[in-house]
Amino acid sequence: MPAEESLLSCLGYTQSPRAAMSANLHDKLNAETAKVAWSEVERHFARGATLSVSIDLDLLEVARAIARDETGLVQRWLTTEQLQRTPAAQATEWARRDATVWCVVVAPWVLLQEDPDSRD
């Protein structure tokens, strides 16, 4: 066991600093995630700052990977189009029905994922 971990254990910590940072980031992102109407985030689409996250992925996992600059993982999602700049056709459809989306900001991006309950 590394000296840092044994010292932390003696002090009563059950997580490594890295695990605690990861948990704190998850908690921060979770607290900043909201369900909003498309009309509330449409202006971010207009300035090219929105990324759409497939409903097959966990929005917080994607946000955390972007925040931590996990390039390999993010690149894999981009390649499979599970993560992409919000396509104009999708934006048009969301605007047509003022869809509800889950939203979290990882500057400079606004990550969006359609709320499955908002579909027609």
Protein backbone atom coordinates (compact mmCIF):
# COMPACT_ATOMS: atom_id res chain seq x y z
CA MET A 1 0.00 0.00 0.00
CA PRO A 2 1.46 3.41 -0.95
CA ALA A 3 2.41 5.64 1.98
CA GLU A 4 -0.26 8.18 1.05
CA GLU A 5 -3.01 5.55 1.16
CA SER A 6 -1.83 4.09 4.47
CA LEU A 7 -1.71 7.58 5.98
CA LEU A 8 -5.21 8.29 4.73
CA SER A 9 -6.40 4.98 6.16
CA CYS A 10 -4.99 5.92 9.55
CA LEU A 11 -6.87 9.20 9.35
CA GLY A 12 -10.11 7.34 8.72
CA TYR A 13 -10.47 8.02 4.99
CA THR A 14 -11.93 5.15 3.04
CA GLN A 15 -11.29 6.57 -0.45
CA SER A 16 -8.12 7.59 -2.19
CA PRO A 17 -7.87 11.30 -3.09
CA ARG A 18 -8.37 10.38 -6.77
CA ALA A 19 -11.55 8.40 -6.00
CA ALA A 20 -12.80 11.23 -3.80
CA MET A 21 -12.14 13.77 -6.58
CA SER A 22 -14.01 11.54 -9.03
CA ALA A 23 -16.93 11.21 -6.61
CA ASN A 24 -16.93 14.98 -6.02
CA LEU A 25 -16.97 15.63 -9.77
CA HIS A 26 -19.85 13.18 -10.20
CA ASP A 27 -21.78 14.85 -7.38
CA LYS A 28 -21.09 18.32 -8.83
CA LEU A 29 -22.23 17.29 -12.32
CA ASN A 30 -25.27 15.53 -10.91
CA ALA A 31 -26.26 18.66 -8.97
CA GLU A 32 -25.87 20.76 -12.12
CA THR A 33 -27.96 18.45 -14.32
CA ALA A 34 -31.50 19.59 -15.08
CA LYS A 35 -34.47 18.61 -17.17
CA VAL A 36 -35.34 21.59 -19.38
CA ALA A 37 -37.47 22.45 -22.38
CA TRP A 38 -35.59 22.60 -25.68
CA SER A 39 -36.56 26.26 -26.02
CA GLU A 40 -34.42 27.02 -22.93
CA VAL A 41 -31.22 25.65 -24.53
CA GLU A 42 -31.90 26.38 -28.20
CA ARG A 43 -29.69 29.49 -28.10
CA HIS A 44 -26.71 27.28 -27.21
CA PHE A 45 -27.43 25.17 -30.30
CA ALA A 46 -27.49 28.36 -32.38
CA ARG A 47 -23.96 29.21 -31.25
CA GLY A 48 -22.72 25.65 -31.96
CA ALA A 49 -22.14 24.70 -28.33
CA THR A 50 -24.44 21.69 -27.91
CA LEU A 51 -23.50 18.03 -27.97
CA SER A 52 -26.18 15.36 -28.15
CA VAL A 53 -25.69 12.24 -26.04
CA SER A 54 -27.32 9.00 -27.14
CA ILE A 55 -29.93 7.59 -24.79
CA ASP A 56 -27.75 4.45 -24.76
CA LEU A 57 -25.17 6.33 -22.68
CA ASP A 58 -25.23 7.69 -19.15
CA LEU A 59 -25.25 11.50 -19.45
CA LEU A 60 -23.20 11.94 -16.27
CA GLU A 61 -20.61 9.40 -17.42
CA VAL A 62 -20.18 11.35 -20.67
CA ALA A 63 -19.97 14.67 -18.82
CA ARG A 64 -17.39 13.27 -16.42
CA ALA A 65 -15.29 11.85 -19.29
CA ILE A 66 -15.29 15.23 -21.05
CA ALA A 67 -14.46 17.09 -17.82
CA ARG A 68 -11.57 14.70 -17.13
CA ASP A 69 -10.35 14.89 -20.74
CA GLU A 70 -10.67 11.14 -21.30
CA THR A 71 -9.87 11.50 -24.99
CA GLY A 72 -9.97 7.81 -25.94
CA LEU A 73 -13.42 7.27 -24.49
CA VAL A 74 -14.82 10.51 -25.90
CA GLN A 75 -13.32 9.73 -29.31
CA ARG A 76 -14.98 6.29 -29.29
CA TRP A 77 -18.38 7.88 -28.63
CA LEU A 78 -17.78 10.46 -31.36
CA THR A 79 -16.79 7.75 -33.84
CA THR A 80 -19.96 5.74 -33.13
CA GLU A 81 -22.05 8.95 -33.09
CA GLN A 82 -23.25 8.21 -29.57
CA LEU A 83 -21.90 11.69 -28.88
CA GLN A 84 -22.12 14.34 -31.58
CA ARG A 85 -22.72 17.99 -32.23
CA THR A 86 -26.48 18.30 -32.15
CA PRO A 87 -27.63 17.70 -35.74
CA ALA A 88 -29.86 20.37 -37.31
CA ALA A 89 -32.55 17.77 -38.01
CA GLN A 90 -32.65 16.80 -34.34
CA ALA A 91 -32.79 20.44 -33.25
CA THR A 92 -35.65 21.06 -35.67
CA GLU A 93 -37.58 18.07 -34.32
CA TRP A 94 -36.99 19.11 -30.70
CA ALA A 95 -38.13 22.65 -31.55
CA ARG A 96 -41.25 21.38 -33.32
CA ARG A 97 -42.49 19.68 -30.17
CA ASP A 98 -40.51 21.70 -27.60
CA ALA A 99 -39.04 18.45 -26.34
CA THR A 100 -37.77 18.03 -22.82
CA VAL A 101 -34.06 17.29 -22.57
CA TRP A 102 -31.63 16.53 -19.80
CA CYS A 103 -28.89 19.15 -19.76
CA VAL A 104 -25.50 19.53 -18.10
CA VAL A 105 -22.79 22.07 -18.86
CA VAL A 106 -19.15 21.05 -19.22
CA ALA A 107 -17.71 24.29 -20.55
CA PRO A 108 -17.60 25.12 -23.35
CA TRP A 109 -20.19 22.43 -24.14
CA VAL A 110 -23.83 22.02 -23.22
CA LEU A 111 -24.55 18.29 -23.21
CA LEU A 112 -28.10 17.29 -24.07
CA GLN A 113 -29.95 14.01 -23.88
CA GLU A 114 -33.58 13.66 -24.80
CA ASP A 115 -35.87 12.71 -21.93
CA PRO A 116 -37.41 9.41 -23.09
CA ASP A 117 -40.68 10.39 -21.42
CA SER A 118 -41.01 13.45 -23.68
CA ARG A 119 -41.28 11.52 -26.93
CA ASP A 120 -44.56 11.49 -28.84
